């Protein structure tokens, strides 16, 4: 990837050129995220706020783990709905899902997102 013009160059727009290798490197991760997002899309018409709060409570208690460990804490929520809610919670930046090596599964690692605060 490279930039074709300097940002200060008047009258010329700056744009990026991506090589096929640049795109290939990100394609697998993008497909993994699309698969994960499909779980959230399947429940998009459902609010599920009570279930979301239950999941957030467990997320706060555990701090990190695998999706399988989260699922094992809930017998009252269908697994596909639970995974959809986990992805929805991730999209809200409450947890981070690690999809760098594999698609979403019980072995997918997650961690509670703790924004770094600026110390003055």
C-alpha atoms as a PDB file:
ATOM      1  CA  UNK A   1       0.000   0.000   0.000  1.00  0.00           C
ATOM      2  CA  UNK A   2       1.243   3.451  -0.773  1.00  0.00           C
ATOM      3  CA  UNK A   3       0.010   7.014  -0.989  1.00  0.00           C
ATOM      4  CA  UNK A   4       0.057   8.618  -4.407  1.00  0.00           C
ATOM      5  CA  UNK A   5       0.332  12.277  -3.495  1.00  0.00           C
ATOM      6  CA  UNK A   6       1.365  14.427  -0.609  1.00  0.00           C
ATOM      7  CA  UNK A   7      -1.516  15.757   1.515  1.00  0.00           C
ATOM      8  CA  UNK A   8      -0.162  19.297   1.073  1.00  0.00           C
ATOM      9  CA  UNK A   9      -0.253  18.987  -2.721  1.00  0.00           C
ATOM     10  CA  UNK A  10      -2.971  21.506  -3.690  1.00  0.00           C
ATOM     11  CA  UNK A  11      -5.536  20.321  -6.175  1.00  0.00           C
ATOM     12  CA  UNK A  12      -4.659  16.654  -5.797  1.00  0.00           C
ATOM     13  CA  UNK A  13      -6.613  14.166  -3.751  1.00  0.00           C
ATOM     14  CA  UNK A  14      -4.731  11.717  -1.621  1.00  0.00           C
ATOM     15  CA  UNK A  15      -5.688   8.108  -2.162  1.00  0.00           C
ATOM     16  CA  UNK A  16      -4.355   4.698  -1.270  1.00  0.00           C
ATOM     17  CA  UNK A  17      -3.423   1.975  -3.703  1.00  0.00           C
ATOM     18  CA  UNK A  18      -3.840  -1.534  -2.350  1.00  0.00           C
ATOM     19  CA  UNK A  19      -1.998  -4.438  -3.882  1.00  0.00           C
ATOM     20  CA  UNK A  20      -3.607  -7.881  -4.140  1.00  0.00           C
ATOM     21  CA  UNK A  21      -1.283  -8.991  -1.327  1.00  0.00           C
ATOM     22  CA  UNK A  22      -2.616  -6.183   0.917  1.00  0.00           C
ATOM     23  CA  UNK A  23      -6.176  -7.347   0.311  1.00  0.00           C
ATOM     24  CA  UNK A  24      -5.408 -11.042   0.685  1.00  0.00           C
ATOM     25  CA  UNK A  25      -3.834 -10.429   4.076  1.00  0.00           C
ATOM     26  CA  UNK A  26      -7.079  -8.915   5.381  1.00  0.00           C
ATOM     27  CA  UNK A  27      -9.583 -11.074   3.455  1.00  0.00           C
ATOM     28  CA  UNK A  28      -9.584 -14.020   5.869  1.00  0.00           C
ATOM     29  CA  UNK A  29     -10.094 -11.798   8.901  1.00  0.00           C
ATOM     30  CA  UNK A  30     -12.867  -9.916   7.095  1.00  0.00           C
ATOM     31  CA  UNK A  31     -14.695 -13.161   6.288  1.00  0.00           C
ATOM     32  CA  UNK A  32     -14.370 -14.274   9.919  1.00  0.00           C
ATOM     33  CA  UNK A  33     -15.960 -11.012  11.053  1.00  0.00           C
ATOM     34  CA  UNK A  34     -18.741 -11.323   8.463  1.00  0.00           C
ATOM     35  CA  UNK A  35     -19.567 -14.767   9.853  1.00  0.00           C
ATOM     36  CA  UNK A  36     -19.631 -13.384  13.390  1.00  0.00           C
ATOM     37  CA  UNK A  37     -21.766 -10.413  12.367  1.00  0.00           C
ATOM     38  CA  UNK A  38     -24.293 -12.779  10.790  1.00  0.00           C
ATOM     39  CA  UNK A  39     -25.158 -14.025  14.307  1.00  0.00           C
ATOM     40  CA  UNK A  40     -25.894 -10.457  15.410  1.00  0.00           C
ATOM     41  CA  UNK A  41     -27.823  -9.751  12.208  1.00  0.00           C
ATOM     42  CA  UNK A  42     -30.076 -12.741  12.882  1.00  0.00           C
ATOM     43  CA  UNK A  43     -31.311 -11.083  16.096  1.00  0.00           C
ATOM     44  CA  UNK A  44     -31.371  -7.475  14.871  1.00  0.00           C
ATOM     45  CA  UNK A  45     -35.151  -7.168  15.357  1.00  0.00           C
ATOM     46  CA  UNK A  46     -34.932  -8.341  18.980  1.00  0.00           C
ATOM     47  CA  UNK A  47     -33.955  -6.024  21.821  1.00  0.00           C
ATOM     48  CA  UNK A  48     -33.007  -8.757  24.355  1.00  0.00           C
ATOM     49  CA  UNK A  49     -31.946  -6.195  26.972  1.00  0.00           C
ATOM     50  CA  UNK A  50     -32.451  -8.553  29.941  1.00  0.00           C
ATOM     51  CA  UNK A  51     -30.254 -11.217  28.344  1.00  0.00           C
ATOM     52  CA  UNK A  52     -27.670  -8.592  27.385  1.00  0.00           C
ATOM     53  CA  UNK A  53     -27.461  -7.402  30.987  1.00  0.00           C
ATOM     54  CA  UNK A  54     -27.033 -11.012  32.171  1.00  0.00           C
ATOM     55  CA  UNK A  55     -24.156 -11.509  29.733  1.00  0.00           C
ATOM     56  CA  UNK A  56     -22.537  -8.210  30.743  1.00  0.00           C
ATOM     57  CA  UNK A  57     -22.692  -9.287  34.377  1.00  0.00           C
ATOM     58  CA  UNK A  58     -20.828 -12.511  33.583  1.00  0.00           C
ATOM     59  CA  UNK A  59     -18.351 -10.620  31.355  1.00  0.00           C
ATOM     60  CA  UNK A  60     -17.595  -8.266  34.243  1.00  0.00           C
ATOM     61  CA  UNK A  61     -17.167 -11.169  36.657  1.00  0.00           C
ATOM     62  CA  UNK A  62     -14.909 -13.246  34.372  1.00  0.00           C
ATOM     63  CA  UNK A  63     -12.965 -10.477  32.618  1.00  0.00           C
ATOM     64  CA  UNK A  64     -11.797 -12.781  29.819  1.00  0.00           C
ATOM     65  CA  UNK A  65     -12.073 -16.327  28.551  1.00  0.00           C
ATOM     66  CA  UNK A  66     -13.576 -18.237  25.645  1.00  0.00           C
ATOM     67  CA  UNK A  67     -17.019 -18.044  24.137  1.00  0.00           C
ATOM     68  CA  UNK A  68     -17.517 -21.626  25.330  1.00  0.00           C
ATOM     69  CA  UNK A  69     -16.939 -20.493  28.909  1.00  0.00           C
ATOM     70  CA  UNK A  70     -19.496 -17.712  28.481  1.00  0.00           C
ATOM     71  CA  UNK A  71     -22.020 -20.121  26.946  1.00  0.00           C
ATOM     72  CA  UNK A  72     -21.589 -22.540  29.859  1.00  0.00           C
ATOM     73  CA  UNK A  73     -22.900 -19.816  32.202  1.00  0.00           C
ATOM     74  CA  UNK A  74     -26.284 -19.705  30.455  1.00  0.00           C
ATOM     75  CA  UNK A  75     -28.808 -22.486  30.132  1.00  0.00           C
ATOM     76  CA  UNK A  76     -31.716 -20.089  29.673  1.00  0.00           C
ATOM     77  CA  UNK A  77     -30.543 -18.480  26.391  1.00  0.00           C
ATOM     78  CA  UNK A  78     -30.353 -20.314  23.049  1.00  0.00           C
ATOM     79  CA  UNK A  79     -26.736 -20.633  21.894  1.00  0.00           C
ATOM     80  CA  UNK A  80     -27.230 -18.870  18.539  1.00  0.00           C
ATOM     81  CA  UNK A  81     -28.958 -15.947  20.292  1.00  0.00           C
ATOM     82  CA  UNK A  82     -26.232 -15.891  22.943  1.00  0.00           C
ATOM     83  CA  UNK A  83     -23.485 -15.726  20.316  1.00  0.00           C
ATOM     84  CA  UNK A  84     -25.414 -12.990  18.491  1.00  0.00           C
ATOM     85  CA  UNK A  85     -25.549 -10.998  21.711  1.00  0.00           C
ATOM     86  CA  UNK A  86     -21.841 -11.556  22.338  1.00  0.00           C
ATOM     87  CA  UNK A  87     -21.061 -10.194  18.860  1.00  0.00           C
ATOM     88  CA  UNK A  88     -23.451  -7.275  19.461  1.00  0.00           C
ATOM     89  CA  UNK A  89     -21.662  -6.532  22.746  1.00  0.00           C
ATOM     90  CA  UNK A  90     -18.332  -6.687  20.909  1.00  0.00           C
ATOM     91  CA  UNK A  91     -19.611  -4.235  18.286  1.00  0.00           C
ATOM     92  CA  UNK A  92     -20.421  -1.861  21.145  1.00  0.00           C
ATOM     93  CA  UNK A  93     -16.744  -2.114  22.227  1.00  0.00           C
ATOM     94  CA  UNK A  94     -17.573  -3.712  25.571  1.00  0.00           C
ATOM     95  CA  UNK A  95     -15.566  -6.840  24.807  1.00  0.00           C
ATOM     96  CA  UNK A  96     -12.936  -7.720  22.237  1.00  0.00           C
ATOM     97  CA  UNK A  97     -13.202 -10.919  20.235  1.00  0.00           C
ATOM     98  CA  UNK A  98     -10.037 -12.510  18.853  1.00  0.00           C
ATOM     99  CA  UNK A  99     -10.813 -13.688  15.325  1.00  0.00           C
ATOM    100  CA  UNK A 100      -7.239 -13.406  14.052  1.00  0.00           C
ATOM    101  CA  UNK A 101      -6.722 -17.156  13.608  1.00  0.00           C
ATOM    102  CA  UNK A 102     -10.188 -18.753  13.430  1.00  0.00           C
ATOM    103  CA  UNK A 103     -13.843 -18.030  12.808  1.00  0.00           C
ATOM    104  CA  UNK A 104     -16.136 -17.527  15.769  1.00  0.00           C
ATOM    105  CA  UNK A 105     -16.511 -20.712  17.804  1.00  0.00           C
ATOM    106  CA  UNK A 106     -16.570 -21.958  21.372  1.00  0.00           C
ATOM    107  CA  UNK A 107     -12.768 -21.638  21.444  1.00  0.00           C
ATOM    108  CA  UNK A 108     -12.784 -17.960  20.391  1.00  0.00           C
ATOM    109  CA  UNK A 109     -11.014 -15.874  23.025  1.00  0.00           C
ATOM    110  CA  UNK A 110     -12.597 -12.704  24.362  1.00  0.00           C
ATOM    111  CA  UNK A 111     -11.651 -10.077  26.906  1.00  0.00           C
ATOM    112  CA  UNK A 112     -13.487  -7.229  28.556  1.00  0.00           C
ATOM    113  CA  UNK A 113     -12.504  -3.987  26.896  1.00  0.00           C
ATOM    114  CA  UNK A 114     -10.936  -1.551  29.317  1.00  0.00           C
ATOM    115  CA  UNK A 115     -10.267   1.781  27.605  1.00  0.00           C
ATOM    116  CA  UNK A 116      -6.968   3.267  28.596  1.00  0.00           C
ATOM    117  CA  UNK A 117      -7.509   6.472  30.478  1.00  0.00           C
ATOM    118  CA  UNK A 118      -5.131   9.341  30.076  1.00  0.00           C
ATOM    119  CA  UNK A 119      -3.233   9.988  33.302  1.00  0.00           C
ATOM    120  CA  UNK A 120      -2.154  13.562  33.816  1.00  0.00           C
END
